[in-house]
C-alpha cells in the first residue's frame, strides 16, 4: 500500500497515492555551462519549450516527473518550481552529485568532505534547494525542497574520488529517509554501488539503479541486479542508437517473467535531441503514446503497466526511515 507514504515535490509533500502516472527519470531543464560543453544536447534552458512538452505529457494523463539533475551541475531549481506551479505537475527534484565530467576543474564538489557534502544534501531536502552552485559553493536558496538524492559514477567505478561522494549520499539518506537514484555507465558497476550503499546501512528498496537497459547483452546482469531487491530504472525507450523499442519490450518481459514486476520504473532520460519542442525526435509523449501500446501488444497486462507507471514509483520515491 502507498496511501501513508510521503513524497516530496518542489511544491511540497504529497501522499504517494496522488503521484499518478510517473516518468521516473527525466531532465526538464539544464543550464548553460559544463554539461553543454560535454554534450550540446544536454542544454535545456528554454522555459516555454519544456512547458509545451509537459503539457502534452499531462494531456495523456501524466501527473509526475522525476528530474534527475543534481545541485551544482546545471540544475535549475527555480524553473522547476515555476513549471510545477504553472502546470500543476508534480516534480521531484534531485540533490546529490553527477558524474565528475559534469563539473569544471576545481569545482567545490571535487574537494569538499563527505560530511560537508552530506550536510548540503540534507539541507536541500529539509529546508530548500539552492539556485546556484555551478561556479562556487551555493548560497542562493528557494523554499522548494529536493525529493531524492542523485548519485553517479563513470566507468572508473566507486573508488577514488567517487567513494567520498557516495559516502556523503549515504549519510544524507540515512538522516532524511530520502531515496537514492544512482547513475551507472551502461549498467557498469551497478552491483558495486549496491554493495557500497547496503554496507553503509541503506536498504535495497531505497535504491534506484539507472540505465541498466542500455545494452541487450546486459540482460543476465540486469536480472542479477534486480535479484538484490533494488528498483531497476529503465530509460532506453526510444533511444534507437542503443536498440529498438521491441528489444526494450523483451527486457521488460524478461524481468516480469522472473518475478520483478514490482521493481520496474520507466522513463525517457530526455535531452535536447529527444524533446520535440526543442527539435528532437520523440518527445515526452513517446512512453505513453508509443511504447506502452507495444507492451500491451506483447501481453503485459494493464495491472503490470500501472505498477510500472504509478505503484512502483510511489513506493520507490517515498521517504522511508
Protein backbone atom coordinates (compact mmCIF):
# COMPACT_ATOMS: atom_id res chain seq x y z
CA UNK A 1 0.00 0.00 0.00
CA UNK A 2 1.18 3.56 -0.73
CA UNK A 3 -1.51 5.70 0.94
CA UNK A 4 0.55 6.55 4.03
CA UNK A 5 3.83 7.19 2.21
CA UNK A 6 5.02 10.75 1.62
CA UNK A 7 6.75 12.10 -1.48
CA UNK A 8 8.49 15.48 -1.52
CA UNK A 9 7.82 17.52 -4.65
CA UNK A 10 9.04 21.03 -5.39
CA UNK A 11 5.59 22.33 -4.32
CA UNK A 12 5.63 20.38 -1.08
CA UNK A 13 4.86 16.95 0.34
CA UNK A 14 2.09 14.85 -1.20
CA UNK A 15 0.69 11.41 -0.33
CA UNK A 16 2.25 8.82 -2.60
CA UNK A 17 -1.23 7.82 -3.73
CA UNK A 18 -1.51 11.20 -5.52
CA UNK A 19 1.58 10.58 -7.65
CA UNK A 20 -0.35 9.24 -10.63
CA UNK A 21 1.39 8.32 -13.87
CA UNK A 22 5.10 8.99 -13.38
CA UNK A 23 8.16 9.25 -15.59
CA UNK A 24 10.91 8.11 -13.24
CA UNK A 25 13.95 9.71 -14.93
CA UNK A 26 13.91 12.89 -17.00
CA UNK A 27 15.77 16.16 -17.39
CA UNK A 28 13.42 19.13 -17.76
CA UNK A 29 15.97 21.95 -17.51
CA UNK A 30 19.77 22.04 -17.65
CA UNK A 31 21.58 25.38 -17.57
CA UNK A 32 24.34 26.53 -19.87
CA UNK A 33 27.78 25.59 -18.64
CA UNK A 34 29.80 22.43 -18.19
CA UNK A 35 27.04 19.97 -19.26
CA UNK A 36 26.68 21.74 -22.62
CA UNK A 37 30.47 21.72 -23.06
CA UNK A 38 30.35 17.97 -22.52
CA UNK A 39 27.43 17.45 -24.90
CA UNK A 40 25.42 20.26 -26.59
CA UNK A 41 22.26 18.13 -26.45
CA UNK A 42 22.28 18.47 -22.65
CA UNK A 43 21.32 22.15 -22.84
CA UNK A 44 17.64 22.51 -21.87
CA UNK A 45 17.10 26.13 -20.90
CA UNK A 46 14.04 27.37 -22.81
CA UNK A 47 11.11 27.52 -20.43
CA UNK A 48 8.24 27.63 -22.92
CA UNK A 49 9.60 24.67 -24.91
CA UNK A 50 9.91 22.49 -21.83
CA UNK A 51 6.46 23.62 -20.69
CA UNK A 52 4.99 22.59 -24.06
CA UNK A 53 6.44 19.08 -23.62
CA UNK A 54 4.99 18.82 -20.12
CA UNK A 55 1.55 19.94 -21.28
CA UNK A 56 1.46 17.12 -23.86
CA UNK A 57 2.59 14.66 -21.17
CA UNK A 58 -0.23 15.83 -18.89
CA UNK A 59 -2.84 15.71 -21.66
CA UNK A 60 -2.09 11.97 -21.90
CA UNK A 61 -2.69 11.57 -18.17
CA UNK A 62 0.84 12.16 -16.87
CA UNK A 63 0.97 13.53 -13.35
CA UNK A 64 4.57 13.33 -12.03
CA UNK A 65 8.09 13.70 -13.43
CA UNK A 66 11.34 12.94 -11.61
CA UNK A 67 14.06 15.40 -12.63
CA UNK A 68 17.48 13.79 -12.24
CA UNK A 69 19.82 16.82 -12.43
CA UNK A 70 21.52 17.48 -9.06
CA UNK A 71 22.82 20.63 -7.38
CA UNK A 72 25.79 22.43 -8.88
CA UNK A 73 25.72 20.60 -12.22
CA UNK A 74 23.19 22.65 -14.20
CA UNK A 75 20.01 22.02 -12.21
CA UNK A 76 17.57 24.94 -12.47
CA UNK A 77 15.51 24.66 -9.31
CA UNK A 78 13.75 27.99 -9.88
CA UNK A 79 12.43 26.96 -13.29
CA UNK A 80 11.36 23.57 -11.95
CA UNK A 81 9.29 25.32 -9.28
CA UNK A 82 7.81 27.77 -11.79
CA UNK A 83 6.88 24.93 -14.13
CA UNK A 84 5.22 22.95 -11.35
CA UNK A 85 3.24 25.98 -10.15
CA UNK A 86 2.06 26.97 -13.64
CA UNK A 87 1.09 23.49 -14.86
CA UNK A 88 0.13 21.61 -11.68
CA UNK A 89 2.72 18.93 -12.47
CA UNK A 90 4.30 17.09 -9.56
CA UNK A 91 8.07 17.43 -9.96
CA UNK A 92 10.58 15.59 -7.80
CA UNK A 93 13.93 17.36 -7.91
CA UNK A 94 17.35 15.96 -7.04
CA UNK A 95 20.13 16.95 -4.73
CA UNK A 96 23.36 14.92 -4.73
CA UNK A 97 26.02 14.67 -7.44
CA UNK A 98 26.51 13.64 -11.06
CA UNK A 99 29.45 12.13 -12.95
CA UNK A 100 32.57 14.21 -12.45
CA UNK A 101 32.57 15.20 -16.11
CA UNK A 102 29.60 17.46 -15.30
CA UNK A 103 31.83 19.75 -13.23
CA UNK A 104 34.64 22.10 -14.29
CA UNK A 105 38.13 21.80 -12.84
CA UNK A 106 38.41 22.97 -9.21
CA UNK A 107 34.65 22.74 -8.65
CA UNK A 108 33.79 22.60 -4.94
CA UNK A 109 32.36 19.08 -5.22
CA UNK A 110 35.83 17.76 -6.06
CA UNK A 111 37.35 18.95 -2.78
CA UNK A 112 34.58 19.05 -0.17
CA UNK A 113 34.49 16.46 2.61
CA UNK A 114 31.82 13.77 2.73
CA UNK A 115 30.42 15.27 5.92
CA UNK A 116 30.06 18.77 4.49
CA UNK A 117 28.50 17.44 1.29
CA UNK A 118 26.07 15.33 3.30
CA UNK A 119 25.07 18.44 5.26
CA UNK A 120 24.39 20.25 1.96
CA UNK A 121 22.26 17.41 0.62
CA UNK A 122 20.33 17.21 3.90
CA UNK A 123 19.81 20.98 3.86
CA UNK A 124 18.31 20.83 0.36
CA UNK A 125 15.97 18.02 1.37
CA UNK A 126 14.84 19.61 4.62
CA UNK A 127 14.99 23.38 4.01
CA UNK A 128 15.05 24.16 0.29
CA UNK A 129 17.25 23.95 -2.78
CA UNK A 130 19.91 26.33 -3.99
CA UNK A 131 19.60 28.01 -7.38
CA UNK A 132 23.33 28.46 -7.88
CA UNK A 133 26.42 26.35 -7.19
CA UNK A 134 27.86 25.88 -10.65
CA UNK A 135 30.76 28.26 -10.07
CA UNK A 136 31.09 28.49 -6.28
CA UNK A 137 29.63 26.99 -3.11
CA UNK A 138 25.83 27.51 -3.34
CA UNK A 139 24.33 30.43 -1.41
CA UNK A 140 21.03 31.42 -3.09
CA UNK A 141 18.08 29.39 -1.84
CA UNK A 142 14.39 28.93 -2.62
CA UNK A 143 11.82 27.13 -0.45
CA UNK A 144 11.28 24.26 -2.91
CA UNK A 145 12.84 21.11 -1.44
CA UNK A 146 14.65 18.22 -3.12
CA UNK A 147 12.82 14.90 -3.06
CA UNK A 148 15.65 12.48 -3.76
CA UNK A 149 19.42 12.09 -3.84
CA UNK A 150 21.04 11.58 -7.24
CA UNK A 151 24.42 9.84 -7.40
CA UNK A 152 26.57 8.68 -10.29
CA UNK A 153 29.80 7.01 -11.31
CA UNK A 154 31.59 6.66 -14.62
CA UNK A 155 33.50 3.62 -15.86
CA UNK A 156 36.09 4.06 -13.09
CA UNK A 157 33.50 2.88 -10.58
CA UNK A 158 33.01 3.79 -6.92
CA UNK A 159 36.68 4.03 -5.92
CA UNK A 160 38.91 7.10 -5.98
CA UNK A 161 37.12 10.47 -5.83
CA UNK A 162 33.69 8.85 -6.08
CA UNK A 163 33.98 6.97 -2.77
CA UNK A 164 33.74 10.21 -0.76
CA UNK A 165 30.70 11.32 -2.79
CA UNK A 166 28.87 8.04 -2.34
CA UNK A 167 29.58 8.23 1.38
CA UNK A 168 28.03 11.70 1.52
CA UNK A 169 24.90 10.48 -0.23
CA UNK A 170 24.56 7.54 2.17
CA UNK A 171 24.88 9.81 5.20
CA UNK A 172 22.19 12.12 3.80
CA UNK A 173 19.81 9.27 3.02
CA UNK A 174 20.24 7.75 6.48
CA UNK A 175 19.41 11.12 8.06
CA UNK A 176 16.44 12.09 5.86
CA UNK A 177 14.97 8.82 4.61
CA UNK A 178 15.26 10.13 1.04
CA UNK A 179 15.68 7.56 -1.74
CA UNK A 180 18.88 7.37 -3.78
CA UNK A 181 18.79 7.28 -7.58
CA UNK A 182 22.16 6.18 -8.95
CA UNK A 183 23.51 6.53 -12.48
CA UNK A 184 25.50 3.66 -13.94
CA UNK A 185 27.55 3.93 -17.12
CA UNK A 186 25.80 1.49 -19.46
CA UNK A 187 24.96 -0.61 -16.39
CA UNK A 188 28.64 -0.91 -15.41
CA UNK A 189 29.35 -1.30 -11.70
CA UNK A 190 25.73 -1.49 -10.51
CA UNK A 191 26.45 -4.31 -8.07
CA UNK A 192 29.43 -2.41 -6.65
CA UNK A 193 27.22 0.61 -5.99
CA UNK A 194 24.56 -1.53 -4.33
CA UNK A 195 27.08 -3.25 -2.06
CA UNK A 196 28.63 0.05 -1.04
CA UNK A 197 25.28 1.51 -0.05
CA UNK A 198 23.99 -1.58 1.73
CA UNK A 199 27.30 -1.91 3.64
CA UNK A 200 26.56 1.60 4.95
CA UNK A 201 23.05 0.61 6.03
CA UNK A 202 20.92 1.78 3.11
CA UNK A 203 18.11 -0.72 2.48
CA UNK A 204 17.94 -2.17 -1.04
CA UNK A 205 14.40 -0.85 -1.54
CA UNK A 206 15.65 2.72 -1.04
CA UNK A 207 17.96 2.36 -4.08
CA UNK A 208 17.01 3.11 -7.68
CA UNK A 209 19.64 1.97 -10.19
CA UNK A 210 19.59 3.66 -13.61
CA UNK A 211 20.48 2.89 -17.22
CA UNK A 212 20.58 -0.89 -16.80
CA UNK A 213 18.86 -1.40 -20.14
CA UNK A 214 21.37 0.31 -22.42
CA UNK A 215 22.67 -2.91 -23.96
CA UNK A 216 20.81 -6.12 -24.67
CA UNK A 217 23.89 -8.14 -23.72
CA UNK A 218 23.41 -6.83 -20.17
CA UNK A 219 20.23 -8.89 -19.78
CA UNK A 220 21.68 -11.52 -17.45
CA UNK A 221 23.43 -8.84 -15.41
CA UNK A 222 20.17 -6.88 -15.21
CA UNK A 223 18.45 -9.94 -13.75
CA UNK A 224 21.22 -10.31 -11.17
CA UNK A 225 20.90 -6.65 -10.17
CA UNK A 226 17.13 -6.99 -9.86
CA UNK A 227 17.70 -10.04 -7.68
CA UNK A 228 19.23 -7.82 -4.99
CA UNK A 229 15.85 -6.16 -4.39
CA UNK A 230 16.66 -2.66 -5.69
CA UNK A 231 14.41 -0.74 -8.07
CA UNK A 232 15.59 -1.02 -11.68
CA UNK A 233 15.01 2.12 -13.70
CA UNK A 234 14.79 1.56 -17.47
CA UNK A 235 15.14 4.57 -19.76
CA UNK A 236 16.49 3.34 -23.12
CA UNK A 237 12.96 3.61 -24.51
CA UNK A 238 13.08 5.45 -27.83
CA UNK A 239 16.90 5.53 -27.78
CA UNK A 240 17.43 3.75 -31.06
CA UNK A 241 21.21 4.21 -31.16
CA UNK A 242 21.27 1.53 -28.45
CA UNK A 243 18.44 -0.77 -29.53
CA UNK A 244 14.83 -0.84 -30.70
CA UNK A 245 11.75 -0.43 -28.53
CA UNK A 246 10.89 -4.01 -29.41
CA UNK A 247 14.14 -5.10 -27.75
CA UNK A 248 13.25 -2.97 -24.72
CA UNK A 249 9.94 -4.82 -24.51
CA UNK A 250 11.88 -8.10 -24.40
CA UNK A 251 13.94 -6.88 -21.45
CA UNK A 252 10.84 -5.82 -19.55
CA UNK A 253 9.07 -9.09 -20.31
CA UNK A 254 12.15 -10.94 -19.08
CA UNK A 255 12.08 -9.02 -15.78
CA UNK A 256 8.37 -9.69 -15.36
CA UNK A 257 8.74 -13.38 -16.20
CA UNK A 258 11.43 -13.66 -13.49
CA UNK A 259 9.20 -12.09 -10.85
CA UNK A 260 10.50 -8.49 -10.80
CA UNK A 261 7.42 -6.56 -11.93
CA UNK A 262 7.25 -4.76 -8.56
CA UNK A 263 10.71 -3.21 -9.09
CA UNK A 264 10.48 -1.75 -12.61
CA UNK A 265 10.48 2.03 -13.19
CA UNK A 266 10.28 3.66 -16.62
CA UNK A 267 11.49 6.95 -18.10
CA UNK A 268 12.92 8.56 -21.23
CA UNK A 269 16.05 10.33 -19.86
CA UNK A 270 15.26 13.34 -22.01
CA UNK A 271 17.80 15.56 -23.73
CA UNK A 272 17.53 18.31 -26.35
CA UNK A 273 17.75 15.61 -29.04
CA UNK A 274 14.75 13.81 -27.56
CA UNK A 275 12.28 16.63 -26.88
CA UNK A 276 10.14 17.51 -29.89
CA UNK A 277 9.71 21.12 -28.79
CA UNK A 278 13.50 21.55 -28.96
CA UNK A 279 13.64 19.91 -32.40
CA UNK A 280 14.20 16.42 -31.05
CA UNK A 281 12.81 13.16 -32.31
CA UNK A 282 10.41 11.58 -29.79
CA UNK A 283 9.01 13.91 -27.11
CA UNK A 284 7.69 13.28 -23.62
CA UNK A 285 4.61 11.61 -25.11
CA UNK A 286 6.62 8.69 -26.55
CA UNK A 287 6.39 6.47 -23.49
CA UNK A 288 2.61 6.68 -23.08
CA UNK A 289 1.69 7.20 -26.71
CA UNK A 290 4.00 4.73 -28.46
CA UNK A 291 5.82 2.44 -26.03
CA UNK A 292 3.09 1.37 -23.63
CA UNK A 293 0.95 0.13 -26.56
CA UNK A 294 3.90 -2.11 -27.55
CA UNK A 295 3.97 -3.53 -24.03
CA UNK A 296 0.25 -4.24 -24.20
CA UNK A 297 0.62 -5.96 -27.57
CA UNK A 298 3.34 -8.18 -26.06
CA UNK A 299 0.97 -9.43 -23.36
CA UNK A 300 1.92 -7.12 -20.48
CA UNK A 301 -1.27 -6.51 -18.51
CA UNK A 302 -2.85 -3.21 -17.51
CA UNK A 303 -2.17 -4.06 -13.88
CA UNK A 304 1.53 -4.57 -14.62
CA UNK A 305 1.73 -1.30 -16.58
CA UNK A 306 0.01 0.54 -13.71
CA UNK A 307 2.62 -0.87 -11.37
CA UNK A 308 5.50 0.39 -13.53
CA UNK A 309 3.95 3.83 -14.08
CA UNK A 310 2.39 4.51 -10.67
CA UNK A 311 2.58 1.91 -7.91
CA UNK A 312 6.32 1.22 -8.12
CA UNK A 313 7.34 4.91 -8.39
CA UNK A 314 5.04 5.78 -5.49
CA UNK A 315 6.97 3.31 -3.34
CA UNK A 316 10.44 3.96 -4.76
CA UNK A 317 10.38 7.74 -4.39
CA UNK A 318 8.73 7.96 -0.97
CA UNK A 319 10.69 8.74 2.17
CA UNK A 320 11.45 5.71 4.36
CA UNK A 321 13.19 5.84 7.72
